[in-house]
């Protein structure tokens, strides 16, 4: 009976070590998963901001092109008016 109790104690100790190691590994995996989720949120935020900045830059460039075209058209019209005289 003493040997059986000793064998059961060893089995229980080994099982507890196994469970402890699994819990530790799962904790590490959850930590890495949480870090990955946070990084994905940051990347999404950066992508969104980049898209906003790109859109604003595109709008500003189009506005500048339109102003340049208006100025060029206006100058061309003045040149045409002067040459008609």
PDB file of N, CA and C in Angstrom:
ATOM      1  N   UNK A   1       0.819  -1.194   0.000  1.00  0.00           N
ATOM      2  CA  UNK A   1       0.000   0.000   0.000  1.00  0.00           C
ATOM      3  C   UNK A   1       0.857   1.250   0.000  1.00  0.00           C
ATOM      4  N   UNK A   2       2.002   1.231   0.661  1.00  0.00           N
ATOM      5  CA  UNK A   2       2.883   2.380   0.743  1.00  0.00           C
ATOM      6  C   UNK A   2       3.472   2.740  -0.615  1.00  0.00           C
ATOM      7  N   UNK A   3       3.809   1.674  -1.393  1.00  0.00           N
ATOM      8  CA  UNK A   3       4.378   1.931  -2.711  1.00  0.00           C
ATOM      9  C   UNK A   3       3.336   2.523  -3.662  1.00  0.00           C
ATOM     10  N   UNK A   4       2.098   2.071  -3.563  1.00  0.00           N
ATOM     11  CA  UNK A   4       1.038   2.601  -4.415  1.00  0.00           C
ATOM     12  C   UNK A   4       0.805   4.080  -4.131  1.00  0.00           C
ATOM     13  N   UNK A   5       0.781   4.425  -2.864  1.00  0.00           N
ATOM     14  CA  UNK A   5       0.587   5.819  -2.475  1.00  0.00           C
ATOM     15  C   UNK A   5       1.747   6.673  -2.978  1.00  0.00           C
ATOM     16  N   UNK A   6       2.956   6.150  -2.859  1.00  0.00           N
ATOM     17  CA  UNK A   6       4.138   6.863  -3.346  1.00  0.00           C
ATOM     18  C   UNK A   6       4.072   7.023  -4.872  1.00  0.00           C
ATOM     19  N   UNK A   7       3.639   5.992  -5.589  1.00  0.00           N
ATOM     20  CA  UNK A   7       3.526   6.050  -7.049  1.00  0.00           C
ATOM     21  C   UNK A   7       2.458   7.067  -7.459  1.00  0.00           C
ATOM     22  N   UNK A   8       1.309   7.062  -6.759  1.00  0.00           N
ATOM     23  CA  UNK A   8       0.260   8.049  -7.049  1.00  0.00           C
ATOM     24  C   UNK A   8       0.753   9.469  -6.787  1.00  0.00           C
ATOM     25  N   UNK A   9       1.536   9.644  -5.728  1.00  0.00           N
ATOM     26  CA  UNK A   9       2.073  10.971  -5.407  1.00  0.00           C
ATOM     27  C   UNK A   9       3.005  11.441  -6.522  1.00  0.00           C
ATOM     28  N   UNK A  10       3.812  10.534  -7.038  1.00  0.00           N
ATOM     29  CA  UNK A  10       4.719  10.889  -8.138  1.00  0.00           C
ATOM     30  C   UNK A  10       3.913  11.243  -9.384  1.00  0.00           C
ATOM     31  N   UNK A  11       2.874  10.469  -9.698  1.00  0.00           N
ATOM     32  CA  UNK A  11       2.033  10.746 -10.865  1.00  0.00           C
ATOM     33  C   UNK A  11       1.364  12.107 -10.719  1.00  0.00           C
ATOM     34  N   UNK A  12       0.829  12.388  -9.531  1.00  0.00           N
ATOM     35  CA  UNK A  12       0.176  13.679  -9.298  1.00  0.00           C
ATOM     36  C   UNK A  12       1.186  14.810  -9.424  1.00  0.00           C
ATOM     37  N   UNK A  13       2.388  14.625  -8.907  1.00  0.00           N
ATOM     38  CA  UNK A  13       3.421  15.665  -9.010  1.00  0.00           C
ATOM     39  C   UNK A  13       3.791  15.907 -10.472  1.00  0.00           C
ATOM     40  N   UNK A  14       3.954  14.851 -11.243  1.00  0.00           N
ATOM     41  CA  UNK A  14       4.294  15.001 -12.660  1.00  0.00           C
ATOM     42  C   UNK A  14       3.160  15.674 -13.426  1.00  0.00           C
ATOM     43  N   UNK A  15       1.922  15.311 -13.104  1.00  0.00           N
ATOM     44  CA  UNK A  15       0.782  15.943 -13.769  1.00  0.00           C
ATOM     45  C   UNK A  15       0.707  17.425 -13.422  1.00  0.00           C
ATOM     46  N   UNK A  16       0.987  17.770 -12.175  1.00  0.00           N
ATOM     47  CA  UNK A  16       0.944  19.189 -11.791  1.00  0.00           C
ATOM     48  C   UNK A  16       2.049  19.975 -12.491  1.00  0.00           C
ATOM     49  N   UNK A  17       3.212  19.364 -12.660  1.00  0.00           N
ATOM     50  CA  UNK A  17       4.294  20.030 -13.402  1.00  0.00           C
ATOM     51  C   UNK A  17       3.871  20.236 -14.853  1.00  0.00           C
ATOM     52  N   UNK A  18       3.246  19.216 -15.455  1.00  0.00           N
ATOM     53  CA  UNK A  18       2.769  19.311 -16.834  1.00  0.00           C
ATOM     54  C   UNK A  18       1.726  20.422 -16.969  1.00  0.00           C
ATOM     55  N   UNK A  19       0.764  20.456 -16.046  1.00  0.00           N
ATOM     56  CA  UNK A  19      -0.277  21.482 -16.085  1.00  0.00           C
ATOM     57  C   UNK A  19       0.337  22.861 -15.897  1.00  0.00           C
ATOM     58  N   UNK A  20       1.283  22.990 -14.962  1.00  0.00           N
ATOM     59  CA  UNK A  20       1.935  24.282 -14.723  1.00  0.00           C
ATOM     60  C   UNK A  20       2.640  24.764 -15.988  1.00  0.00           C
ATOM     61  N   UNK A  21       3.377  23.880 -16.642  1.00  0.00           N
ATOM     62  CA  UNK A  21       4.089  24.263 -17.868  1.00  0.00           C
ATOM     63  C   UNK A  21       3.117  24.657 -18.972  1.00  0.00           C
ATOM     64  N   UNK A  22       2.020  23.929 -19.108  1.00  0.00           N
ATOM     65  CA  UNK A  22       1.018  24.282 -20.120  1.00  0.00           C
ATOM     66  C   UNK A  22       0.394  25.636 -19.824  1.00  0.00           C
ATOM     67  N   UNK A  23       0.063  25.895 -18.569  1.00  0.00           N
ATOM     68  CA  UNK A  23      -0.516  27.189 -18.193  1.00  0.00           C
ATOM     69  C   UNK A  23       0.468  28.325 -18.479  1.00  0.00           C
ATOM     70  N   UNK A  24       1.738  28.092 -18.180  1.00  0.00           N
ATOM     71  CA  UNK A  24       2.760  29.114 -18.441  1.00  0.00           C
ATOM     72  C   UNK A  24       2.869  29.392 -19.935  1.00  0.00           C
ATOM     73  N   UNK A  25       2.887  28.330 -20.750  1.00  0.00           N
ATOM     74  CA  UNK A  25       2.961  28.509 -22.202  1.00  0.00           C
ATOM     75  C   UNK A  25       1.720  29.211 -22.741  1.00  0.00           C
ATOM     76  N   UNK A  26       0.565  28.859 -22.211  1.00  0.00           N
ATOM     77  CA  UNK A  26      -0.664  29.513 -22.659  1.00  0.00           C
ATOM     78  C   UNK A  26      -0.642  30.993 -22.288  1.00  0.00           C
ATOM     79  N   UNK A  27      -0.121  31.303 -21.098  1.00  0.00           N
ATOM     80  CA  UNK A  27       0.005  32.704 -20.697  1.00  0.00           C
ATOM     81  C   UNK A  27       0.904  33.472 -21.650  1.00  0.00           C
ATOM     82  N   UNK A  28       2.022  32.866 -22.035  1.00  0.00           N
ATOM     83  CA  UNK A  28       2.928  33.509 -22.990  1.00  0.00           C
ATOM     84  C   UNK A  28       2.244  33.705 -24.339  1.00  0.00           C
ATOM     85  N   UNK A  29       1.475  32.706 -24.771  1.00  0.00           N
ATOM     86  CA  UNK A  29       0.775  32.817 -26.059  1.00  0.00           C
ATOM     87  C   UNK A  29      -0.278  33.920 -26.012  1.00  0.00           C
ATOM     88  N   UNK A  30      -1.021  33.998 -24.908  1.00  0.00           N
ATOM     89  CA  UNK A  30      -2.023  35.053 -24.785  1.00  0.00           C
ATOM     90  C   UNK A  30      -1.366  36.426 -24.772  1.00  0.00           C
ATOM     91  N   UNK A  31      -0.200  36.528 -24.126  1.00  0.00           N
ATOM     92  CA  UNK A  31       0.528  37.798 -24.102  1.00  0.00           C
ATOM     93  C   UNK A  31       0.948  38.191 -25.517  1.00  0.00           C
ATOM     94  N   UNK A  32       1.494  37.235 -26.262  1.00  0.00           N
ATOM     95  CA  UNK A  32       1.906  37.514 -27.643  1.00  0.00           C
ATOM     96  C   UNK A  32       0.704  37.858 -28.514  1.00  0.00           C
ATOM     97  N   UNK A  33      -0.403  37.161 -28.305  1.00  0.00           N
ATOM     98  CA  UNK A  33      -1.617  37.442 -29.057  1.00  0.00           C
ATOM     99  C   UNK A  33      -2.124  38.849 -28.758  1.00  0.00           C
ATOM    100  N   UNK A  34      -2.059  39.240 -27.488  1.00  0.00           N
ATOM    101  CA  UNK A  34      -2.485  40.583 -27.099  1.00  0.00           C
ATOM    102  C   UNK A  34      -1.581  41.633 -27.741  1.00  0.00           C
ATOM    103  N   UNK A  35      -0.274  41.381 -27.743  1.00  0.00           N
ATOM    104  CA  UNK A  35       0.658  42.310 -28.389  1.00  0.00           C
ATOM    105  C   UNK A  35       0.359  42.415 -29.881  1.00  0.00           C
ATOM    106  N   UNK A  36       0.071  41.291 -30.515  1.00  0.00           N
ATOM    107  CA  UNK A  36      -0.243  41.291 -31.941  1.00  0.00           C
ATOM    108  C   UNK A  36      -1.504  42.099 -32.215  1.00  0.00           C
ATOM    109  N   UNK A  37      -2.510  41.934 -31.365  1.00  0.00           N
ATOM    110  CA  UNK A  37      -3.755  42.690 -31.537  1.00  0.00           C
ATOM    111  C   UNK A  37      -3.498  44.185 -31.375  1.00  0.00           C
ATOM    112  N   UNK A  38      -2.666  44.547 -30.405  1.00  0.00           N
ATOM    113  CA  UNK A  38      -2.340  45.963 -30.212  1.00  0.00           C
ATOM    114  C   UNK A  38      -1.587  46.508 -31.420  1.00  0.00           C
ATOM    115  N   UNK A  39      -0.659  45.731 -31.945  1.00  0.00           N
ATOM    116  CA  UNK A  39       0.086  46.171 -33.128  1.00  0.00           C
ATOM    117  C   UNK A  39      -0.834  46.317 -34.334  1.00  0.00           C
ATOM    118  N   UNK A  40      -1.803  45.433 -34.463  1.00  0.00           N
ATOM    119  CA  UNK A  40      -2.759  45.554 -35.560  1.00  0.00           C
ATOM    120  C   UNK A  40      -3.582  46.826 -35.424  1.00  0.00           C
ATOM    121  N   UNK A  41      -3.962  47.183 -34.201  1.00  0.00           N
ATOM    122  CA  UNK A  41      -4.711  48.419 -33.986  1.00  0.00           C
ATOM    123  C   UNK A  41      -3.864  49.626 -34.362  1.00  0.00           C
ATOM    124  N   UNK A  42      -2.589  49.599 -33.968  1.00  0.00           N
ATOM    125  CA  UNK A  42      -1.695  50.710 -34.300  1.00  0.00           C
ATOM    126  C   UNK A  42      -1.517  50.805 -35.811  1.00  0.00           C
ATOM    127  N   UNK A  43      -1.308  49.674 -36.467  1.00  0.00           N
ATOM    128  CA  UNK A  43      -1.141  49.681 -37.921  1.00  0.00           C
ATOM    129  C   UNK A  43      -2.396  50.180 -38.624  1.00  0.00           C
ATOM    130  N   UNK A  44      -3.555  49.796 -38.131  1.00  0.00           N
ATOM    131  CA  UNK A  44      -4.806  50.282 -38.717  1.00  0.00           C
ATOM    132  C   UNK A  44      -4.910  51.793 -38.542  1.00  0.00           C
ATOM    133  N   UNK A  45      -4.553  52.292 -37.362  1.00  0.00           N
ATOM    134  CA  UNK A  45      -4.587  53.731 -37.101  1.00  0.00           C
ATOM    135  C   UNK A  45      -3.631  54.465 -38.040  1.00  0.00           C
ATOM    136  N   UNK A  46      -2.418  53.935 -38.186  1.00  0.00           N
ATOM    137  CA  UNK A  46      -1.421  54.563 -39.061  1.00  0.00           C
ATOM    138  C   UNK A  46      -1.898  54.537 -40.511  1.00  0.00           C
ATOM    139  N   UNK A  47      -2.452  53.412 -40.952  1.00  0.00           N
ATOM    140  CA  UNK A  47      -2.971  53.326 -42.322  1.00  0.00           C
ATOM    141  C   UNK A  47      -4.088  54.335 -42.555  1.00  0.00           C
ATOM    142  N   UNK A  48      -4.974  54.477 -41.569  1.00  0.00           N
ATOM    143  CA  UNK A  48      -6.080  55.428 -41.692  1.00  0.00           C
ATOM    144  C   UNK A  48      -5.554  56.849 -41.789  1.00  0.00           C
ATOM    145  N   UNK A  49      -4.621  57.197 -40.910  1.00  0.00           N
ATOM    146  CA  UNK A  49      -4.047  58.549 -40.936  1.00  0.00           C
ATOM    147  C   UNK A  49      -3.303  58.793 -42.241  1.00  0.00           C
ATOM    148  N   UNK A  50      -2.562  57.792 -42.707  1.00  0.00           N
ATOM    149  CA  UNK A  50      -1.833  57.936 -43.961  1.00  0.00           C
ATOM    150  C   UNK A  50      -2.800  58.184 -45.113  1.00  0.00           C
ATOM    151  N   UNK A  51      -3.905  57.446 -45.136  1.00  0.00           N
ATOM    152  CA  UNK A  51      -4.901  57.634 -46.198  1.00  0.00           C
ATOM    153  C   UNK A  51      -5.505  59.036 -46.129  1.00  0.00           C
ATOM    154  N   UNK A  52      -5.777  59.526 -44.905  1.00  0.00           N
ATOM    155  CA  UNK A  52      -6.318  60.878 -44.758  1.00  0.00           C
ATOM    156  C   UNK A  52      -5.330  61.920 -45.272  1.00  0.00           C
ATOM    157  N   UNK A  53      -4.070  61.775 -44.885  1.00  0.00           N
ATOM    158  CA  UNK A  53      -3.038  62.730 -45.308  1.00  0.00           C
ATOM    159  C   UNK A  53      -2.869  62.674 -46.822  1.00  0.00           C
ATOM    160  N   UNK A  54      -2.870  61.463 -47.379  1.00  0.00           N
ATOM    161  CA  UNK A  54      -2.725  61.308 -48.826  1.00  0.00           C
ATOM    162  C   UNK A  54      -3.888  61.977 -49.560  1.00  0.00           C
ATOM    163  N   UNK A  55      -5.098  61.814 -49.036  1.00  0.00           N
ATOM    164  CA  UNK A  55      -6.274  62.422 -49.657  1.00  0.00           C
ATOM    165  C   UNK A  55      -6.198  63.945 -49.576  1.00  0.00           C
ATOM    166  N   UNK A  56      -5.789  64.475 -48.418  1.00  0.00           N
ATOM    167  CA  UNK A  56      -5.663  65.930 -48.271  1.00  0.00           C
ATOM    168  C   UNK A  56      -4.586  66.473 -49.202  1.00  0.00           C
ATOM    169  N   UNK A  57      -3.486  65.753 -49.313  1.00  0.00           N
ATOM    170  CA  UNK A  57      -2.409  66.177 -50.200  1.00  0.00           C
ATOM    171  C   UNK A  57      -2.889  66.189 -51.646  1.00  0.00           C
ATOM    172  N   UNK A  58      -3.615  65.157 -52.028  1.00  0.00           N
ATOM    173  CA  UNK A  58      -4.163  65.091 -53.393  1.00  0.00           C
ATOM    174  C   UNK A  58      -5.097  66.271 -53.655  1.00  0.00           C
ATOM    175  N   UNK A  59      -5.948  66.584 -52.679  1.00  0.00           N
ATOM    176  CA  UNK A  59      -6.877  67.706 -52.822  1.00  0.00           C
ATOM    177  C   UNK A  59      -6.115  69.014 -52.965  1.00  0.00           C
ATOM    178  N   UNK A  60      -5.102  69.207 -52.126  1.00  0.00           N
ATOM    179  CA  UNK A  60      -4.306  70.442 -52.190  1.00  0.00           C
ATOM    180  C   UNK A  60      -3.597  70.557 -53.534  1.00  0.00           C
ATOM    181  N   UNK A  61      -3.056  69.451 -54.033  1.00  0.00           N
ATOM    182  CA  UNK A  61      -2.384  69.483 -55.331  1.00  0.00           C
ATOM    183  C   UNK A  61      -3.365  69.814 -56.455  1.00  0.00           C
ATOM    184  N   UNK A  62      -4.565  69.255 -56.387  1.00  0.00           N
ATOM    185  CA  UNK A  62      -5.571  69.569 -57.402  1.00  0.00           C
ATOM    186  C   UNK A  62      -5.971  71.039 -57.335  1.00  0.00           C
ATOM    187  N   UNK A  63      -6.113  71.565 -56.113  1.00  0.00           N
ATOM    188  CA  UNK A  63      -6.449  72.981 -55.966  1.00  0.00           C
ATOM    189  C   UNK A  63      -5.338  73.856 -56.537  1.00  0.00           C
ATOM    190  N   UNK A  64      -4.086  73.480 -56.260  1.00  0.00           N
ATOM    191  CA  UNK A  64      -2.959  74.250 -56.784  1.00  0.00           C
ATOM    192  C   UNK A  64      -2.926  74.179 -58.310  1.00  0.00           C
ATOM    193  N   UNK A  65      -3.185  73.008 -58.866  1.00  0.00           N
ATOM    194  CA  UNK A  65      -3.228  72.867 -60.327  1.00  0.00           C
ATOM    195  C   UNK A  65      -4.344  73.711 -60.928  1.00  0.00           C
ATOM    196  N   UNK A  66      -5.497  73.723 -60.277  1.00  0.00           N
ATOM    197  CA  UNK A  66      -6.620  74.530 -60.770  1.00  0.00           C
ATOM    198  C   UNK A  66      -6.284  76.019 -60.725  1.00  0.00           C
ATOM    199  N   UNK A  67      -5.653  76.469 -59.632  1.00  0.00           N
ATOM    200  CA  UNK A  67      -5.257  77.879 -59.549  1.00  0.00           C
ATOM    201  C   UNK A  67      -4.240  78.218 -60.625  1.00  0.00           C
ATOM    202  N   UNK A  68      -3.297  77.316 -60.836  1.00  0.00           N
ATOM    203  CA  UNK A  68      -2.281  77.533 -61.862  1.00  0.00           C
ATOM    204  C   UNK A  68      -2.939  77.600 -63.242  1.00  0.00           C
ATOM    205  N   UNK A  69      -3.888  76.714 -63.485  1.00  0.00           N
ATOM    206  CA  UNK A  69      -4.575  76.704 -64.773  1.00  0.00           C
ATOM    207  C   UNK A  69      -5.368  77.994 -64.962  1.00  0.00           C
ATOM    208  N   UNK A  70      -6.062  78.451 -63.904  1.00  0.00           N
ATOM    209  CA  UNK A  70      -6.815  79.699 -64.001  1.00  0.00           C
ATOM    210  C   UNK A  70      -5.887  80.872 -64.278  1.00  0.00           C
ATOM    211  N   UNK A  71      -4.753  80.889 -63.583  1.00  0.00           N
ATOM    212  CA  UNK A  71      -3.789  81.969 -63.802  1.00  0.00           C
ATOM    213  C   UNK A  71      -3.243  81.904 -65.221  1.00  0.00           C
ATOM    214  N   UNK A  72      -2.900  80.721 -65.678  1.00  0.00           N
ATOM    215  CA  UNK A  72      -2.378  80.549 -67.034  1.00  0.00           C
ATOM    216  C   UNK A  72      -3.426  80.953 -68.068  1.00  0.00           C
ATOM    217  N   UNK A  73      -4.666  80.522 -67.862  1.00  0.00           N
ATOM    218  CA  UNK A  73      -5.744  80.891 -68.791  1.00  0.00           C
ATOM    219  C   UNK A  73      -5.968  82.398 -68.796  1.00  0.00           C
ATOM    220  N   UNK A  74      -5.927  82.988 -67.614  1.00  0.00           N
ATOM    221  CA  UNK A  74      -6.126  84.433 -67.509  1.00  0.00           C
ATOM    222  C   UNK A  74      -5.002  85.188 -68.236  1.00  0.00           C
ATOM    223  N   UNK A  75      -3.759  84.749 -68.018  1.00  0.00           N
ATOM    224  CA  UNK A  75      -2.629  85.394 -68.697  1.00  0.00           C
ATOM    225  C   UNK A  75      -2.713  85.191 -70.206  1.00  0.00           C
ATOM    226  N   UNK A  76      -3.100  84.011 -70.633  1.00  0.00           N
ATOM    227  CA  UNK A  76      -3.220  83.751 -72.066  1.00  0.00           C
ATOM    228  C   UNK A  76      -4.294  84.645 -72.675  1.00  0.00           C
ATOM    229  N   UNK A  77      -5.383  84.837 -71.959  1.00  0.00           N
ATOM    230  CA  UNK A  77      -6.453  85.706 -72.446  1.00  0.00           C
ATOM    231  C   UNK A  77      -5.959  87.143 -72.570  1.00  0.00           C
ATOM    232  N   UNK A  78      -5.190  87.605 -71.580  1.00  0.00           N
ATOM    233  CA  UNK A  78      -4.649  88.968 -71.650  1.00  0.00           C
ATOM    234  C   UNK A  78      -3.694  89.104 -72.828  1.00  0.00           C
ATOM    235  N   UNK A  79      -2.867  88.072 -73.033  1.00  0.00           N
ATOM    236  CA  UNK A  79      -1.933  88.107 -74.162  1.00  0.00           C
ATOM    237  C   UNK A  79      -2.712  88.152 -75.472  1.00  0.00           C
ATOM    238  N   UNK A  80      -3.756  87.360 -75.570  1.00  0.00           N
ATOM    239  CA  UNK A  80      -4.591  87.360 -76.782  1.00  0.00           C
ATOM    240  C   UNK A  80      -5.247  88.721 -76.995  1.00  0.00           C
ATOM    241  N   UNK A  81      -5.720  89.334 -75.907  1.00  0.00           N
ATOM    242  CA  UNK A  81      -6.339  90.658 -76.011  1.00  0.00           C
ATOM    243  C   UNK A  81      -5.328  91.700 -76.481  1.00  0.00           C
ATOM    244  N   UNK A  82      -4.108  91.612 -75.957  1.00  0.00           N
ATOM    245  CA  UNK A  82      -3.075  92.580 -76.332  1.00  0.00           C
ATOM    246  C   UNK A  82      -2.679  92.386 -77.792  1.00  0.00           C
ATOM    247  N   UNK A  83      -2.558  91.142 -78.224  1.00  0.00           N
ATOM    248  CA  UNK A  83      -2.147  90.891 -79.609  1.00  0.00           C
ATOM    249  C   UNK A  83      -3.231  91.287 -80.603  1.00  0.00           C
ATOM    250  N   UNK A  84      -4.489  91.306 -80.168  1.00  0.00           N
ATOM    251  CA  UNK A  84      -5.575  91.727 -81.054  1.00  0.00           C
ATOM    252  C   UNK A  84      -5.530  93.230 -81.295  1.00  0.00           C
ATOM    253  N   UNK A  85      -4.999  93.960 -80.344  1.00  0.00           N
ATOM    254  CA  UNK A  85      -4.939  95.411 -80.503  1.00  0.00           C
ATOM    255  C   UNK A  85      -3.916  95.748 -81.527  1.00  0.00           C
TER     256      UNK A  85
END
